[in-house]
């Protein structure tokens, strides 16, 4: 399967829901979902120290979208166009997905606000 999505931590947090799992698990298992460093950091923060090595190893199996200076520059461009404050991590994740040409799979209203500026493809995991 070709990588088509970047799965944000907000979508991954809903994996226990059967509707979200039905959409996300095939992407994760089949290689359709990528990750990036920010998402991995957010996922790892949800685990205690004794579990992080295993989770990090598991996360290393996903395709990885780079976060480089061009990605950060795009995040800053979008930030300048937003009316209010937005989490830096969300700006960077959205920019990584956009630059990677991937659909951003999420469950966070902030990504809808970002996409209204960027026009990038997003998919809501929890609705």
N, C-alpha and C. Protein backbone atom coordinates (compact mmCIF):
# COMPACT_ATOMS: atom_id res chain seq x y z
N UNK A 1 0.84 -1.18 0.00
CA UNK A 1 0.00 0.00 0.00
C UNK A 1 0.88 1.24 0.00
N UNK A 2 0.51 2.21 -0.79
CA UNK A 2 1.22 3.48 -0.86
C UNK A 2 0.86 4.33 0.36
N UNK A 3 1.82 5.06 0.88
CA UNK A 3 1.57 5.94 2.01
C UNK A 3 0.73 7.12 1.54
N UNK A 4 -0.43 7.30 2.17
CA UNK A 4 -1.38 8.33 1.76
C UNK A 4 -1.73 9.30 2.87
N UNK A 5 -1.48 8.93 4.13
CA UNK A 5 -1.91 9.71 5.28
C UNK A 5 -0.77 9.94 6.26
N UNK A 6 -0.85 11.03 6.98
CA UNK A 6 -0.04 11.23 8.17
C UNK A 6 -1.02 11.18 9.33
N UNK A 7 -0.86 10.23 10.22
CA UNK A 7 -1.78 10.03 11.34
C UNK A 7 -1.30 10.84 12.54
N UNK A 8 -2.08 11.83 12.92
CA UNK A 8 -1.76 12.66 14.08
C UNK A 8 -2.05 11.90 15.37
N UNK A 9 -1.41 12.32 16.45
CA UNK A 9 -1.62 11.69 17.75
C UNK A 9 -3.09 11.78 18.19
N UNK A 10 -3.79 12.82 17.78
CA UNK A 10 -5.20 12.95 18.15
C UNK A 10 -6.04 11.83 17.55
N UNK A 11 -5.69 11.37 16.36
CA UNK A 11 -6.39 10.24 15.74
C UNK A 11 -5.96 8.94 16.41
N UNK A 12 -4.68 8.79 16.65
CA UNK A 12 -4.18 7.57 17.28
C UNK A 12 -4.75 7.37 18.67
N UNK A 13 -5.05 8.45 19.36
CA UNK A 13 -5.61 8.37 20.71
C UNK A 13 -7.00 7.76 20.72
N UNK A 14 -7.65 7.71 19.56
CA UNK A 14 -9.01 7.18 19.46
C UNK A 14 -9.06 5.75 18.95
N UNK A 15 -7.93 5.08 18.87
CA UNK A 15 -7.88 3.72 18.33
C UNK A 15 -8.77 2.72 19.07
N UNK A 16 -9.11 2.99 20.30
CA UNK A 16 -9.98 2.07 21.05
C UNK A 16 -11.42 2.11 20.55
N UNK A 17 -11.77 3.15 19.82
CA UNK A 17 -13.12 3.25 19.25
C UNK A 17 -13.19 2.40 17.98
N UNK A 18 -14.21 1.59 17.88
CA UNK A 18 -14.30 0.67 16.74
C UNK A 18 -14.41 1.39 15.40
N UNK A 19 -15.11 2.52 15.34
CA UNK A 19 -15.23 3.24 14.08
C UNK A 19 -13.89 3.81 13.62
N UNK A 20 -13.11 4.30 14.57
CA UNK A 20 -11.79 4.84 14.23
C UNK A 20 -10.84 3.70 13.89
N UNK A 21 -10.87 2.62 14.66
CA UNK A 21 -10.00 1.47 14.39
C UNK A 21 -10.28 0.89 13.01
N UNK A 22 -11.56 0.85 12.61
CA UNK A 22 -11.90 0.30 11.29
C UNK A 22 -11.26 1.11 10.17
N UNK A 23 -11.07 2.39 10.38
CA UNK A 23 -10.44 3.24 9.36
C UNK A 23 -8.92 3.25 9.50
N UNK A 24 -8.44 3.35 10.72
CA UNK A 24 -7.02 3.58 10.95
C UNK A 24 -6.15 2.32 10.93
N UNK A 25 -6.64 1.22 11.48
CA UNK A 25 -5.83 0.00 11.55
C UNK A 25 -5.37 -0.47 10.17
N UNK A 26 -6.25 -0.54 9.16
CA UNK A 26 -5.76 -0.95 7.84
C UNK A 26 -4.66 -0.01 7.29
N UNK A 27 -4.78 1.27 7.58
CA UNK A 27 -3.73 2.21 7.16
C UNK A 27 -2.42 1.94 7.88
N UNK A 28 -2.51 1.70 9.18
CA UNK A 28 -1.31 1.46 9.97
C UNK A 28 -0.63 0.15 9.58
N UNK A 29 -1.42 -0.91 9.46
CA UNK A 29 -0.88 -2.23 9.15
C UNK A 29 -0.40 -2.31 7.70
N UNK A 30 -1.13 -1.66 6.81
CA UNK A 30 -0.80 -1.75 5.40
C UNK A 30 0.23 -0.77 4.89
N UNK A 31 0.72 0.10 5.74
CA UNK A 31 1.74 1.05 5.32
C UNK A 31 1.18 2.34 4.73
N UNK A 32 -0.11 2.55 4.85
CA UNK A 32 -0.73 3.75 4.31
C UNK A 32 -0.59 4.96 5.20
N UNK A 33 -0.21 4.76 6.46
CA UNK A 33 -0.10 5.87 7.41
C UNK A 33 1.36 6.12 7.76
N UNK A 34 1.74 7.38 7.68
CA UNK A 34 3.09 7.80 8.04
C UNK A 34 3.05 8.47 9.41
N UNK A 35 4.22 8.74 9.92
CA UNK A 35 4.38 9.48 11.16
C UNK A 35 5.40 10.59 10.92
N UNK A 36 5.64 11.38 11.95
CA UNK A 36 6.72 12.37 11.92
C UNK A 36 7.23 12.51 13.35
N UNK A 37 8.33 13.19 13.52
CA UNK A 37 8.95 13.28 14.84
C UNK A 37 8.06 13.89 15.91
N UNK A 38 7.28 14.90 15.56
CA UNK A 38 6.40 15.55 16.54
C UNK A 38 5.32 14.57 17.01
N UNK A 39 4.71 13.86 16.07
CA UNK A 39 3.67 12.88 16.44
C UNK A 39 4.28 11.80 17.33
N UNK A 40 5.46 11.33 16.97
CA UNK A 40 6.10 10.29 17.78
C UNK A 40 6.37 10.77 19.20
N UNK A 41 6.83 12.01 19.34
CA UNK A 41 7.05 12.57 20.68
C UNK A 41 5.76 12.63 21.48
N UNK A 42 4.67 13.04 20.82
CA UNK A 42 3.38 13.11 21.52
C UNK A 42 2.89 11.72 21.91
N UNK A 43 3.06 10.75 21.04
CA UNK A 43 2.65 9.38 21.36
C UNK A 43 3.48 8.84 22.51
N UNK A 44 4.78 9.01 22.44
CA UNK A 44 5.66 8.50 23.50
C UNK A 44 5.35 9.12 24.86
N UNK A 45 4.90 10.36 24.88
CA UNK A 45 4.58 11.03 26.13
C UNK A 45 3.42 10.36 26.87
N UNK A 46 2.63 9.59 26.15
CA UNK A 46 1.48 8.92 26.77
C UNK A 46 1.87 7.62 27.48
N UNK A 47 3.11 7.21 27.36
CA UNK A 47 3.57 5.95 27.95
C UNK A 47 4.59 6.22 29.04
N UNK A 48 4.69 5.28 29.98
CA UNK A 48 5.71 5.46 31.01
C UNK A 48 7.07 5.01 30.48
N UNK A 49 8.08 5.32 31.22
CA UNK A 49 9.45 5.08 30.76
C UNK A 49 9.71 3.63 30.40
N UNK A 50 9.12 2.70 31.13
CA UNK A 50 9.38 1.29 30.87
C UNK A 50 8.78 0.82 29.54
N UNK A 51 7.81 1.54 29.00
CA UNK A 51 7.17 1.14 27.75
C UNK A 51 7.70 1.89 26.52
N UNK A 52 8.40 2.98 26.74
CA UNK A 52 8.78 3.85 25.63
C UNK A 52 9.69 3.20 24.60
N UNK A 53 10.60 2.34 25.02
CA UNK A 53 11.50 1.70 24.06
C UNK A 53 10.71 0.83 23.08
N UNK A 54 9.76 0.07 23.60
CA UNK A 54 8.94 -0.78 22.73
C UNK A 54 8.07 0.06 21.79
N UNK A 55 7.48 1.11 22.32
CA UNK A 55 6.63 1.98 21.49
C UNK A 55 7.48 2.67 20.44
N UNK A 56 8.64 3.13 20.83
CA UNK A 56 9.53 3.79 19.85
C UNK A 56 9.93 2.82 18.75
N UNK A 57 10.22 1.59 19.10
CA UNK A 57 10.56 0.57 18.11
C UNK A 57 9.39 0.34 17.15
N UNK A 58 8.20 0.25 17.71
CA UNK A 58 7.00 0.07 16.88
C UNK A 58 6.81 1.26 15.94
N UNK A 59 6.99 2.47 16.46
CA UNK A 59 6.81 3.68 15.66
C UNK A 59 7.85 3.75 14.53
N UNK A 60 9.01 3.15 14.72
CA UNK A 60 10.07 3.20 13.71
C UNK A 60 9.71 2.42 12.45
N UNK A 61 8.67 1.59 12.53
CA UNK A 61 8.26 0.80 11.36
C UNK A 61 7.41 1.61 10.38
N UNK A 62 6.90 2.76 10.81
CA UNK A 62 6.08 3.58 9.93
C UNK A 62 6.94 4.43 9.02
N UNK A 63 6.40 4.73 7.84
CA UNK A 63 7.06 5.72 6.97
C UNK A 63 7.15 7.01 7.77
N UNK A 64 8.19 7.76 7.51
CA UNK A 64 8.44 8.97 8.30
C UNK A 64 8.52 10.19 7.39
N UNK A 65 7.74 11.19 7.73
CA UNK A 65 7.75 12.45 7.00
C UNK A 65 8.77 13.37 7.67
N UNK A 66 9.69 13.93 6.91
CA UNK A 66 10.73 14.76 7.52
C UNK A 66 10.19 16.11 7.99
N UNK A 67 10.82 16.59 9.03
CA UNK A 67 10.56 17.96 9.50
C UNK A 67 11.88 18.70 9.32
N UNK A 68 11.92 19.52 8.29
CA UNK A 68 13.13 20.27 7.98
C UNK A 68 12.83 21.76 8.04
N UNK A 69 13.80 22.59 7.66
CA UNK A 69 13.60 24.03 7.72
C UNK A 69 12.45 24.49 6.82
N UNK A 70 12.28 23.87 5.68
CA UNK A 70 11.18 24.24 4.79
C UNK A 70 9.83 23.95 5.44
N UNK A 71 9.75 22.86 6.18
CA UNK A 71 8.52 22.53 6.90
C UNK A 71 8.25 23.56 7.99
N UNK A 72 9.28 23.93 8.73
CA UNK A 72 9.12 24.94 9.78
C UNK A 72 8.77 26.30 9.18
N UNK A 73 9.37 26.64 8.04
CA UNK A 73 9.03 27.90 7.37
C UNK A 73 7.56 27.92 6.96
N UNK A 74 7.06 26.79 6.45
CA UNK A 74 5.65 26.71 6.07
C UNK A 74 4.76 26.85 7.30
N UNK A 75 5.13 26.24 8.40
CA UNK A 75 4.36 26.36 9.63
C UNK A 75 4.29 27.83 10.07
N UNK A 76 5.39 28.55 9.93
CA UNK A 76 5.40 29.97 10.30
C UNK A 76 4.53 30.80 9.35
N UNK A 77 4.55 30.47 8.06
CA UNK A 77 3.69 31.18 7.10
C UNK A 77 2.22 31.03 7.48
N UNK A 78 1.84 29.81 7.82
CA UNK A 78 0.44 29.55 8.20
C UNK A 78 0.12 30.23 9.53
N UNK A 79 1.02 30.16 10.47
CA UNK A 79 0.81 30.79 11.78
C UNK A 79 0.51 32.28 11.61
N UNK A 80 1.21 32.93 10.71
CA UNK A 80 1.02 34.37 10.48
C UNK A 80 -0.38 34.68 9.95
N UNK A 81 -1.03 33.70 9.33
CA UNK A 81 -2.35 33.93 8.74
C UNK A 81 -3.50 33.56 9.67
N UNK A 82 -3.21 32.91 10.77
CA UNK A 82 -4.25 32.49 11.71
C UNK A 82 -4.62 33.62 12.65
N UNK A 83 -5.90 33.73 12.95
CA UNK A 83 -6.40 34.81 13.79
C UNK A 83 -5.94 34.69 15.24
N UNK A 84 -5.87 33.49 15.75
CA UNK A 84 -5.51 33.30 17.15
C UNK A 84 -4.33 32.38 17.30
N UNK A 85 -3.92 32.14 18.54
CA UNK A 85 -2.79 31.24 18.78
C UNK A 85 -3.16 29.79 18.49
N UNK A 86 -2.19 29.08 17.96
CA UNK A 86 -2.34 27.66 17.64
C UNK A 86 -1.10 26.95 18.16
N UNK A 87 -1.29 25.74 18.68
CA UNK A 87 -0.15 24.96 19.17
C UNK A 87 0.93 24.82 18.08
N UNK A 88 2.13 25.05 18.46
CA UNK A 88 3.25 24.92 17.52
C UNK A 88 3.31 23.52 16.94
N UNK A 89 3.09 22.51 17.78
CA UNK A 89 3.16 21.14 17.29
C UNK A 89 2.14 20.89 16.19
N UNK A 90 0.94 21.45 16.31
CA UNK A 90 -0.09 21.28 15.28
C UNK A 90 0.33 21.95 13.98
N UNK A 91 0.91 23.12 14.07
CA UNK A 91 1.39 23.82 12.87
C UNK A 91 2.46 22.99 12.15
N UNK A 92 3.36 22.41 12.92
CA UNK A 92 4.45 21.63 12.32
C UNK A 92 3.92 20.33 11.71
N UNK A 93 3.04 19.63 12.41
CA UNK A 93 2.47 18.38 11.89
C UNK A 93 1.69 18.66 10.60
N UNK A 94 0.88 19.71 10.61
CA UNK A 94 0.11 20.05 9.40
C UNK A 94 1.04 20.40 8.25
N UNK A 95 2.08 21.15 8.52
CA UNK A 95 3.03 21.51 7.47
C UNK A 95 3.76 20.28 6.94
N UNK A 96 4.10 19.35 7.81
CA UNK A 96 4.77 18.12 7.38
C UNK A 96 3.86 17.32 6.46
N UNK A 97 2.59 17.20 6.83
CA UNK A 97 1.64 16.47 6.00
C UNK A 97 1.46 17.17 4.65
N UNK A 98 1.31 18.48 4.70
CA UNK A 98 1.12 19.23 3.46
C UNK A 98 2.32 19.08 2.54
N UNK A 99 3.51 19.28 3.07
CA UNK A 99 4.72 19.18 2.24
C UNK A 99 4.95 17.77 1.74
N UNK A 100 4.49 16.77 2.50
CA UNK A 100 4.62 15.38 2.08
C UNK A 100 3.52 14.93 1.13
N UNK A 101 2.56 15.81 0.87
CA UNK A 101 1.45 15.47 -0.03
C UNK A 101 0.53 14.41 0.56
N UNK A 102 0.42 14.40 1.90
CA UNK A 102 -0.36 13.38 2.59
C UNK A 102 -1.63 13.97 3.19
N UNK A 103 -2.65 13.16 3.27
CA UNK A 103 -3.87 13.53 3.96
C UNK A 103 -3.57 13.52 5.45
N UNK A 104 -3.95 14.56 6.16
CA UNK A 104 -3.73 14.62 7.60
C UNK A 104 -4.93 14.01 8.31
N UNK A 105 -4.73 12.85 8.91
CA UNK A 105 -5.77 12.15 9.64
C UNK A 105 -5.70 12.59 11.09
N UNK A 106 -6.78 13.17 11.60
CA UNK A 106 -6.74 13.81 12.91
C UNK A 106 -8.11 13.76 13.59
N UNK A 107 -8.14 14.26 14.81
CA UNK A 107 -9.39 14.52 15.52
C UNK A 107 -9.19 15.74 16.40
N UNK A 108 -8.91 16.87 15.76
CA UNK A 108 -8.61 18.10 16.49
C UNK A 108 -9.06 19.29 15.63
N UNK A 109 -9.90 20.12 16.19
CA UNK A 109 -10.44 21.27 15.45
C UNK A 109 -9.35 22.20 14.91
N UNK A 110 -8.21 22.24 15.56
CA UNK A 110 -7.15 23.14 15.11
C UNK A 110 -6.71 22.81 13.68
N UNK A 111 -6.76 21.53 13.31
CA UNK A 111 -6.35 21.15 11.96
C UNK A 111 -7.35 21.62 10.92
N UNK A 112 -8.62 21.71 11.30
CA UNK A 112 -9.61 22.26 10.39
C UNK A 112 -9.33 23.74 10.13
N UNK A 113 -8.96 24.46 11.18
CA UNK A 113 -8.61 25.88 11.04
C UNK A 113 -7.38 26.05 10.15
N UNK A 114 -6.39 25.22 10.35
CA UNK A 114 -5.18 25.29 9.53
C UNK A 114 -5.51 24.97 8.07
N UNK A 115 -6.30 23.92 7.85
CA UNK A 115 -6.65 23.52 6.48
C UNK A 115 -7.49 24.58 5.77
N UNK A 116 -8.21 25.39 6.52
CA UNK A 116 -8.98 26.46 5.88
C UNK A 116 -8.06 27.49 5.25
N UNK A 117 -6.83 27.55 5.72
CA UNK A 117 -5.84 28.46 5.14
C UNK A 117 -5.01 27.75 4.07
N UNK A 118 -4.57 26.54 4.36
CA UNK A 118 -3.66 25.84 3.45
C UNK A 118 -4.38 25.16 2.29
N UNK A 119 -5.63 24.78 2.52
CA UNK A 119 -6.35 24.02 1.50
C UNK A 119 -5.92 22.56 1.43
N UNK A 120 -5.13 22.13 2.38
CA UNK A 120 -4.62 20.76 2.35
C UNK A 120 -5.71 19.77 2.67
N UNK A 121 -5.50 18.53 2.26
CA UNK A 121 -6.45 17.46 2.51
C UNK A 121 -6.34 17.00 3.96
N UNK A 122 -7.50 16.89 4.61
CA UNK A 122 -7.56 16.35 5.96
C UNK A 122 -8.71 15.36 6.04
N UNK A 123 -8.63 14.50 7.03
CA UNK A 123 -9.70 13.54 7.28
C UNK A 123 -9.92 13.46 8.78
N UNK A 124 -11.13 13.58 9.20
CA UNK A 124 -11.48 13.55 10.62
C UNK A 124 -11.63 12.11 11.07
N UNK A 125 -10.87 11.68 12.06
CA UNK A 125 -10.90 10.29 12.52
C UNK A 125 -12.12 9.99 13.39
N UNK A 126 -12.56 10.96 14.16
CA UNK A 126 -13.58 10.69 15.15
C UNK A 126 -14.98 11.09 14.77
N UNK A 127 -15.23 11.33 13.50
CA UNK A 127 -16.58 11.73 13.11
C UNK A 127 -17.05 10.96 11.94
